[in-house]
N, C-alpha and C. Protein backbone atom coordinates (compact mmCIF):
# COMPACT_ATOMS: atom_id res chain seq x y z
N UNK A 1 101.78 119.67 125.72
CA UNK A 1 102.76 118.62 125.94
C UNK A 1 103.19 118.05 124.59
N UNK A 2 104.48 117.92 124.38
CA UNK A 2 105.04 117.43 123.11
C UNK A 2 104.87 115.92 123.01
N UNK A 3 104.69 115.47 121.76
CA UNK A 3 104.59 114.02 121.52
C UNK A 3 105.96 113.38 121.73
N UNK A 4 105.98 112.15 122.27
CA UNK A 4 107.27 111.46 122.40
C UNK A 4 107.77 111.08 121.01
N UNK A 5 109.09 110.98 120.82
CA UNK A 5 109.62 110.61 119.51
C UNK A 5 109.19 109.19 119.13
N UNK A 6 109.02 108.97 117.85
CA UNK A 6 108.65 107.65 117.35
C UNK A 6 109.90 106.80 117.27
N UNK A 7 109.85 105.59 117.82
CA UNK A 7 111.03 104.74 117.77
C UNK A 7 111.28 104.25 116.35
N UNK A 8 112.48 103.75 116.12
CA UNK A 8 112.89 103.34 114.77
C UNK A 8 111.98 102.29 114.16
N UNK A 9 111.59 101.29 114.94
CA UNK A 9 110.75 100.21 114.41
C UNK A 9 109.41 100.77 113.95
N UNK A 10 108.78 101.57 114.78
CA UNK A 10 107.49 102.15 114.40
C UNK A 10 107.64 103.02 113.17
N UNK A 11 108.72 103.76 113.07
CA UNK A 11 108.93 104.61 111.91
C UNK A 11 109.13 103.77 110.65
N UNK A 12 109.88 102.68 110.75
CA UNK A 12 110.08 101.79 109.59
C UNK A 12 108.75 101.18 109.16
N UNK A 13 107.91 100.80 110.12
CA UNK A 13 106.59 100.25 109.79
C UNK A 13 105.76 101.30 109.07
N UNK A 14 105.73 102.51 109.59
CA UNK A 14 104.98 103.60 108.94
C UNK A 14 105.46 103.81 107.51
N UNK A 15 106.77 103.80 107.33
CA UNK A 15 107.32 104.02 105.99
C UNK A 15 106.99 102.86 105.06
N UNK A 16 107.04 101.63 105.57
CA UNK A 16 106.69 100.47 104.74
C UNK A 16 105.23 100.52 104.32
N UNK A 17 104.36 100.82 105.27
CA UNK A 17 102.93 100.93 104.96
C UNK A 17 102.71 102.05 103.95
N UNK A 18 103.36 103.18 104.16
CA UNK A 18 103.23 104.31 103.24
C UNK A 18 103.71 103.96 101.84
N UNK A 19 104.83 103.27 101.75
CA UNK A 19 105.36 102.85 100.45
C UNK A 19 104.39 101.90 99.75
N UNK A 20 103.85 100.93 100.49
CA UNK A 20 102.89 100.00 99.87
C UNK A 20 101.62 100.73 99.45
N UNK A 21 101.18 101.69 100.26
CA UNK A 21 100.00 102.48 99.91
C UNK A 21 100.25 103.23 98.60
N UNK A 22 101.42 103.84 98.48
CA UNK A 22 101.76 104.56 97.25
C UNK A 22 101.80 103.63 96.06
N UNK A 23 102.47 102.48 96.20
CA UNK A 23 102.57 101.52 95.09
C UNK A 23 101.20 101.01 94.68
N UNK A 24 100.34 100.72 95.65
CA UNK A 24 99.00 100.23 95.35
C UNK A 24 98.17 101.31 94.66
N UNK A 25 98.30 102.52 95.13
CA UNK A 25 97.57 103.64 94.50
C UNK A 25 98.01 103.81 93.05
N UNK A 26 99.31 103.78 92.84
CA UNK A 26 99.84 103.92 91.48
C UNK A 26 99.41 102.75 90.60
N UNK A 27 99.35 101.56 91.18
CA UNK A 27 98.97 100.36 90.41
C UNK A 27 97.54 100.46 89.88
N UNK A 28 96.67 101.18 90.60
CA UNK A 28 95.30 101.34 90.10
C UNK A 28 95.15 102.64 89.31
N UNK A 29 96.26 103.34 89.09
CA UNK A 29 96.27 104.51 88.23
C UNK A 29 95.57 105.74 88.78
N UNK A 30 95.66 105.92 90.09
CA UNK A 30 95.00 107.08 90.69
C UNK A 30 96.03 108.01 91.32
N UNK A 31 95.67 109.28 91.41
CA UNK A 31 96.52 110.27 92.05
C UNK A 31 96.25 110.27 93.55
N UNK A 32 97.14 110.92 94.29
CA UNK A 32 96.93 111.07 95.73
C UNK A 32 95.62 111.81 95.98
N UNK A 33 95.35 112.83 95.21
CA UNK A 33 94.13 113.61 95.38
C UNK A 33 92.90 112.74 95.16
N UNK A 34 92.91 111.91 94.11
CA UNK A 34 91.75 111.06 93.83
C UNK A 34 91.48 110.07 94.96
N UNK A 35 92.53 109.42 95.43
CA UNK A 35 92.35 108.45 96.51
C UNK A 35 91.93 109.16 97.79
N UNK A 36 92.53 110.31 98.07
CA UNK A 36 92.14 111.07 99.26
C UNK A 36 90.65 111.39 99.22
N UNK A 37 90.16 111.85 98.08
CA UNK A 37 88.73 112.17 97.95
C UNK A 37 87.87 110.94 98.16
N UNK A 38 88.29 109.80 97.58
CA UNK A 38 87.51 108.57 97.73
C UNK A 38 87.47 108.09 99.17
N UNK A 39 88.51 108.40 99.93
CA UNK A 39 88.58 107.98 101.33
C UNK A 39 88.05 109.05 102.29
N UNK A 40 87.68 110.20 101.74
CA UNK A 40 87.19 111.28 102.59
C UNK A 40 88.29 111.98 103.35
N UNK A 41 89.47 112.05 102.75
CA UNK A 41 90.64 112.66 103.37
C UNK A 41 91.08 113.90 102.61
N UNK A 42 91.98 114.64 103.19
CA UNK A 42 92.60 115.74 102.47
C UNK A 42 93.80 115.19 101.69
N UNK A 43 94.16 115.84 100.59
CA UNK A 43 95.37 115.40 99.87
C UNK A 43 96.61 115.44 100.75
N UNK A 44 96.69 116.41 101.66
CA UNK A 44 97.84 116.49 102.56
C UNK A 44 97.92 115.25 103.46
N UNK A 45 96.78 114.74 103.90
CA UNK A 45 96.78 113.51 104.71
C UNK A 45 97.40 112.36 103.92
N UNK A 46 97.01 112.22 102.65
CA UNK A 46 97.57 111.15 101.81
C UNK A 46 99.08 111.30 101.67
N UNK A 47 99.53 112.53 101.50
CA UNK A 47 100.97 112.77 101.39
C UNK A 47 101.67 112.30 102.66
N UNK A 48 101.11 112.62 103.81
CA UNK A 48 101.71 112.22 105.09
C UNK A 48 101.67 110.70 105.29
N UNK A 49 100.57 110.06 104.90
CA UNK A 49 100.48 108.60 105.03
C UNK A 49 101.51 107.92 104.13
N UNK A 50 101.58 108.35 102.87
CA UNK A 50 102.51 107.72 101.93
C UNK A 50 103.96 107.97 102.30
N UNK A 51 104.24 109.10 102.92
CA UNK A 51 105.61 109.41 103.33
C UNK A 51 105.99 108.73 104.64
N UNK A 52 105.01 108.14 105.32
CA UNK A 52 105.29 107.49 106.60
C UNK A 52 105.39 108.46 107.75
N UNK A 53 104.96 109.69 107.55
CA UNK A 53 104.99 110.67 108.64
C UNK A 53 103.88 110.44 109.64
N UNK A 54 102.77 109.90 109.13
CA UNK A 54 101.59 109.66 109.96
C UNK A 54 101.15 108.22 109.74
N UNK A 55 100.80 107.47 110.80
CA UNK A 55 100.33 106.10 110.59
C UNK A 55 98.98 106.09 109.87
N UNK A 56 98.82 105.16 108.94
CA UNK A 56 97.55 105.05 108.22
C UNK A 56 96.51 104.50 109.18
N UNK A 57 95.33 105.14 109.27
CA UNK A 57 94.30 104.70 110.22
C UNK A 57 93.70 103.34 109.84
N UNK A 58 93.67 102.43 110.78
CA UNK A 58 93.15 101.09 110.50
C UNK A 58 91.66 101.11 110.18
N UNK A 59 90.94 102.11 110.66
CA UNK A 59 89.50 102.15 110.35
C UNK A 59 89.24 102.48 108.88
N UNK A 60 90.28 102.90 108.14
CA UNK A 60 90.13 103.16 106.71
C UNK A 60 90.50 101.97 105.83
N UNK A 61 90.96 100.88 106.43
CA UNK A 61 91.36 99.71 105.63
C UNK A 61 90.20 99.17 104.79
N UNK A 62 88.99 99.01 105.32
CA UNK A 62 87.89 98.53 104.47
C UNK A 62 87.61 99.47 103.29
N UNK A 63 87.82 100.76 103.49
CA UNK A 63 87.60 101.72 102.40
C UNK A 63 88.62 101.51 101.28
N UNK A 64 89.85 101.09 101.63
CA UNK A 64 90.84 100.78 100.60
C UNK A 64 90.34 99.64 99.72
N UNK A 65 89.84 98.58 100.36
CA UNK A 65 89.31 97.44 99.59
C UNK A 65 88.18 97.89 98.66
N UNK A 66 87.35 98.80 99.14
CA UNK A 66 86.20 99.27 98.36
C UNK A 66 86.62 100.02 97.10
N UNK A 67 87.83 100.61 97.11
CA UNK A 67 88.29 101.33 95.92
C UNK A 67 89.30 100.53 95.11
N UNK A 68 89.46 99.25 95.44
CA UNK A 68 90.30 98.38 94.63
C UNK A 68 91.74 98.25 95.08
N UNK A 69 92.02 98.63 96.32
CA UNK A 69 93.37 98.49 96.88
C UNK A 69 93.33 97.39 97.94
N UNK A 70 94.23 96.44 97.85
CA UNK A 70 94.29 95.32 98.80
C UNK A 70 94.79 95.83 100.15
N UNK A 71 93.87 96.01 101.09
CA UNK A 71 94.21 96.57 102.40
C UNK A 71 95.14 95.65 103.19
N UNK A 72 95.00 94.35 103.01
CA UNK A 72 95.87 93.42 103.72
C UNK A 72 97.32 93.64 103.28
N UNK A 73 97.52 93.79 101.98
CA UNK A 73 98.86 94.00 101.46
C UNK A 73 99.42 95.34 101.95
N UNK A 74 98.59 96.39 101.93
CA UNK A 74 99.04 97.70 102.39
C UNK A 74 99.44 97.62 103.86
N UNK A 75 98.60 97.01 104.68
CA UNK A 75 98.84 96.98 106.12
C UNK A 75 99.99 96.08 106.54
N UNK A 76 100.13 94.93 105.87
CA UNK A 76 101.09 93.94 106.37
C UNK A 76 102.13 93.47 105.35
N UNK A 77 101.89 93.77 104.10
CA UNK A 77 102.78 93.25 103.06
C UNK A 77 102.41 91.84 102.63
N UNK A 78 101.32 91.32 103.19
CA UNK A 78 100.85 89.98 102.83
C UNK A 78 99.56 90.14 102.04
N UNK A 79 99.57 89.72 100.77
CA UNK A 79 98.36 89.89 99.96
C UNK A 79 97.20 89.02 100.45
N UNK A 80 95.99 89.52 100.24
CA UNK A 80 94.80 88.80 100.64
C UNK A 80 94.29 87.95 99.49
N UNK A 81 93.95 86.70 99.78
CA UNK A 81 93.37 85.85 98.74
C UNK A 81 91.92 86.21 98.47
N UNK A 82 91.36 87.13 99.24
CA UNK A 82 90.04 87.68 98.94
C UNK A 82 90.09 88.53 97.68
N UNK A 83 91.28 89.03 97.37
CA UNK A 83 91.49 89.91 96.23
C UNK A 83 91.66 89.06 94.96
N UNK A 84 90.84 89.32 93.96
CA UNK A 84 90.88 88.54 92.72
C UNK A 84 92.25 88.64 92.05
N UNK A 85 92.84 89.83 92.04
CA UNK A 85 94.15 89.99 91.41
C UNK A 85 95.21 89.13 92.10
N UNK A 86 95.13 89.02 93.41
CA UNK A 86 96.09 88.19 94.14
C UNK A 86 95.94 86.73 93.72
N UNK A 87 94.69 86.28 93.58
CA UNK A 87 94.47 84.89 93.14
C UNK A 87 95.02 84.69 91.73
N UNK A 88 94.87 85.70 90.86
CA UNK A 88 95.43 85.60 89.51
C UNK A 88 96.95 85.54 89.56
N UNK A 89 97.56 86.35 90.42
CA UNK A 89 99.02 86.31 90.60
C UNK A 89 99.45 84.90 91.02
N UNK A 90 98.77 84.39 92.05
CA UNK A 90 99.14 83.09 92.59
C UNK A 90 99.01 82.01 91.52
N UNK A 91 97.94 82.05 90.74
CA UNK A 91 97.74 81.06 89.67
C UNK A 91 98.86 81.16 88.63
N UNK A 92 99.24 82.38 88.25
CA UNK A 92 100.30 82.56 87.25
C UNK A 92 101.63 82.04 87.79
N UNK A 93 101.93 82.36 89.03
CA UNK A 93 103.19 81.91 89.62
C UNK A 93 103.19 80.41 89.79
N UNK A 94 102.07 79.84 90.21
CA UNK A 94 101.99 78.39 90.38
C UNK A 94 102.22 77.68 89.05
N UNK A 95 101.74 78.26 87.97
CA UNK A 95 101.98 77.69 86.64
C UNK A 95 103.48 77.64 86.36
N UNK A 96 104.19 78.73 86.69
CA UNK A 96 105.64 78.75 86.50
C UNK A 96 106.33 77.73 87.41
N UNK A 97 105.85 77.58 88.61
CA UNK A 97 106.43 76.59 89.52
C UNK A 97 106.29 75.20 88.92
N UNK A 98 105.09 74.87 88.45
CA UNK A 98 104.86 73.55 87.86
C UNK A 98 105.76 73.32 86.65
N UNK A 99 105.93 74.37 85.83
CA UNK A 99 106.79 74.25 84.66
C UNK A 99 108.23 73.97 85.07
N UNK A 100 108.71 74.70 86.07
CA UNK A 100 110.08 74.50 86.54
C UNK A 100 110.26 73.11 87.16
N UNK A 101 109.25 72.65 87.88
CA UNK A 101 109.31 71.31 88.47
C UNK A 101 109.43 70.26 87.35
N UNK A 102 108.63 70.43 86.29
CA UNK A 102 108.68 69.49 85.17
C UNK A 102 110.01 69.55 84.44
N UNK A 103 110.51 70.76 84.19
CA UNK A 103 111.78 70.93 83.48
C UNK A 103 112.92 70.25 84.23
N UNK A 104 112.92 70.39 85.55
CA UNK A 104 114.01 69.84 86.36
C UNK A 104 113.70 68.44 86.89
N UNK A 105 112.57 67.90 86.46
CA UNK A 105 112.15 66.55 86.85
C UNK A 105 112.25 66.35 88.36
N UNK A 106 111.69 67.30 89.10
CA UNK A 106 111.72 67.24 90.56
C UNK A 106 110.48 66.52 91.06
N UNK A 107 110.63 65.88 92.18
CA UNK A 107 109.51 65.17 92.78
C UNK A 107 109.08 65.91 94.04
N UNK A 108 108.09 66.82 93.87
CA UNK A 108 107.54 67.51 95.03
C UNK A 108 106.03 67.42 94.95
N UNK A 109 105.40 67.57 96.09
CA UNK A 109 103.95 67.44 96.17
C UNK A 109 103.26 68.72 95.69
N UNK A 110 101.98 68.62 95.34
CA UNK A 110 101.23 69.84 95.00
C UNK A 110 101.22 70.85 96.17
N UNK A 111 101.20 70.35 97.40
CA UNK A 111 101.26 71.26 98.56
C UNK A 111 102.56 72.05 98.56
N UNK A 112 103.67 71.37 98.23
CA UNK A 112 104.96 72.06 98.17
C UNK A 112 104.98 73.06 97.02
N UNK A 113 104.37 72.70 95.89
CA UNK A 113 104.28 73.65 94.76
C UNK A 113 103.53 74.91 95.19
N UNK A 114 102.41 74.70 95.85
CA UNK A 114 101.61 75.84 96.30
C UNK A 114 102.38 76.68 97.30
N UNK A 115 103.08 76.03 98.22
CA UNK A 115 103.87 76.75 99.22
C UNK A 115 104.94 77.61 98.54
N UNK A 116 105.59 77.06 97.53
CA UNK A 116 106.61 77.81 96.80
C UNK A 116 105.97 78.99 96.06
N UNK A 117 104.83 78.74 95.41
CA UNK A 117 104.14 79.82 94.69
C UNK A 117 103.75 80.94 95.65
N UNK A 118 103.23 80.59 96.81
CA UNK A 118 102.83 81.59 97.81
C UNK A 118 104.06 82.37 98.28
N UNK A 119 105.17 81.67 98.52
CA UNK A 119 106.40 82.33 98.96
C UNK A 119 106.88 83.32 97.89
N UNK A 120 106.83 82.92 96.63
CA UNK A 120 107.25 83.81 95.54
C UNK A 120 106.35 85.04 95.49
N UNK A 121 105.04 84.83 95.60
CA UNK A 121 104.10 85.94 95.57
C UNK A 121 104.41 86.94 96.68
N UNK A 122 104.64 86.44 97.88
CA UNK A 122 104.96 87.32 99.01
C UNK A 122 106.30 88.01 98.81
N UNK A 123 107.25 87.30 98.24
CA UNK A 123 108.59 87.86 98.04
C UNK A 123 108.57 88.98 96.99
N UNK A 124 107.78 88.78 95.94
CA UNK A 124 107.68 89.81 94.92
C UNK A 124 106.94 91.03 95.45
N UNK A 125 105.91 90.78 96.27
CA UNK A 125 105.20 91.87 96.91
C UNK A 125 104.63 92.89 95.96
N UNK A 126 104.07 92.44 94.85
CA UNK A 126 103.55 93.38 93.86
C UNK A 126 102.03 93.42 93.90
N UNK A 127 101.45 94.61 93.78
CA UNK A 127 100.01 94.73 93.85
C UNK A 127 99.30 94.69 92.51
N UNK A 128 99.99 94.36 91.42
CA UNK A 128 99.36 94.45 90.11
C UNK A 128 99.71 93.24 89.25
N UNK A 129 98.72 92.73 88.51
CA UNK A 129 98.96 91.59 87.61
C UNK A 129 100.01 91.96 86.58
N UNK A 130 99.99 93.19 86.08
CA UNK A 130 100.98 93.61 85.10
C UNK A 130 102.39 93.46 85.66
N UNK A 131 102.55 93.74 86.95
CA UNK A 131 103.86 93.58 87.58
C UNK A 131 104.29 92.12 87.59
N UNK A 132 103.35 91.22 87.83
CA UNK A 132 103.68 89.79 87.84
C UNK A 132 104.08 89.35 86.45
N UNK A 133 103.28 89.71 85.46
CA UNK A 133 103.59 89.32 84.08
C UNK A 133 104.92 89.94 83.65
N UNK A 134 105.17 91.17 84.04
CA UNK A 134 106.41 91.84 83.68
C UNK A 134 107.62 91.34 84.44
N UNK A 135 107.41 90.54 85.47
CA UNK A 135 108.51 90.06 86.32
C UNK A 135 108.80 88.58 86.09
N UNK A 136 108.52 88.09 84.90
CA UNK A 136 108.67 86.66 84.64
C UNK A 136 110.08 86.16 84.97
N UNK A 137 111.11 86.89 84.56
CA UNK A 137 112.48 86.44 84.84
C UNK A 137 112.76 86.38 86.33
N UNK A 138 112.25 87.37 87.07
CA UNK A 138 112.44 87.37 88.53
C UNK A 138 111.68 86.21 89.17
N UNK A 139 110.49 85.95 88.67
CA UNK A 139 109.70 84.83 89.19
C UNK A 139 110.42 83.52 88.94
N UNK A 140 110.88 83.33 87.71
CA UNK A 140 111.57 82.08 87.37
C UNK A 140 112.83 81.91 88.22
N UNK A 141 113.60 82.97 88.40
CA UNK A 141 114.81 82.89 89.22
C UNK A 141 114.46 82.53 90.66
N UNK A 142 113.41 83.14 91.20
CA UNK A 142 112.99 82.86 92.57
C UNK A 142 112.49 81.43 92.70
N UNK A 143 111.70 80.99 91.73
CA UNK A 143 111.19 79.62 91.74
C UNK A 143 112.36 78.63 91.70
N UNK A 144 113.31 78.87 90.84
CA UNK A 144 114.47 77.96 90.75
C UNK A 144 115.24 77.93 92.06
N UNK A 145 115.43 79.09 92.66
CA UNK A 145 116.13 79.15 93.95
C UNK A 145 115.39 78.34 95.01
N UNK A 146 114.08 78.51 95.08
CA UNK A 146 113.29 77.80 96.08
C UNK A 146 113.22 76.31 95.78
N UNK A 147 113.12 75.95 94.49
CA UNK A 147 113.09 74.53 94.14
C UNK A 147 114.40 73.86 94.48
N UNK A 148 115.51 74.56 94.32
CA UNK A 148 116.82 74.02 94.70
C UNK A 148 116.85 73.74 96.18
N UNK A 149 116.32 74.66 96.98
CA UNK A 149 116.25 74.48 98.43
C UNK A 149 115.40 73.27 98.77
N UNK A 150 114.23 73.13 98.11
CA UNK A 150 113.35 72.00 98.37
C UNK A 150 114.03 70.69 97.98
N UNK A 151 114.70 70.69 96.82
CA UNK A 151 115.34 69.47 96.34
C UNK A 151 116.49 69.03 97.26
N UNK A 152 117.17 70.01 97.87
CA UNK A 152 118.27 69.68 98.77
C UNK A 152 117.80 69.12 100.10
N UNK A 153 116.56 69.43 100.48
CA UNK A 153 116.04 68.96 101.78
C UNK A 153 115.34 67.68 101.64
């Protein structure tokens, strides 16, 4: 019996997960073969997961964390604060938020600063500290955009 076709939404989810898996793998400097071996998979399986042809098995998510890949980010696009790199990203972005608040003499609460920093982190969706440091202009532009929205409300 043939498998039913995968609907568009499920296919987009598979592709998004695969893309994040690839980006995370590259961010830790490993090849598909290396990650496949660490996860007990074949290299062909990794190719299929990263291409979105096959859904990534949820029972392997803890194994991603064990090799330094944020499984929460791979699965959902939302970074986990359990991950030290994510906390470093958030701290760096929050510093930029505070600087922009001071420059523009805005009156917002620390909770609002944190909310903006978290929103920026999720919007950038990067799995590596180097990406955050390298994206300073994008971070500043995003922070300014969000601060303008906060100031208008």
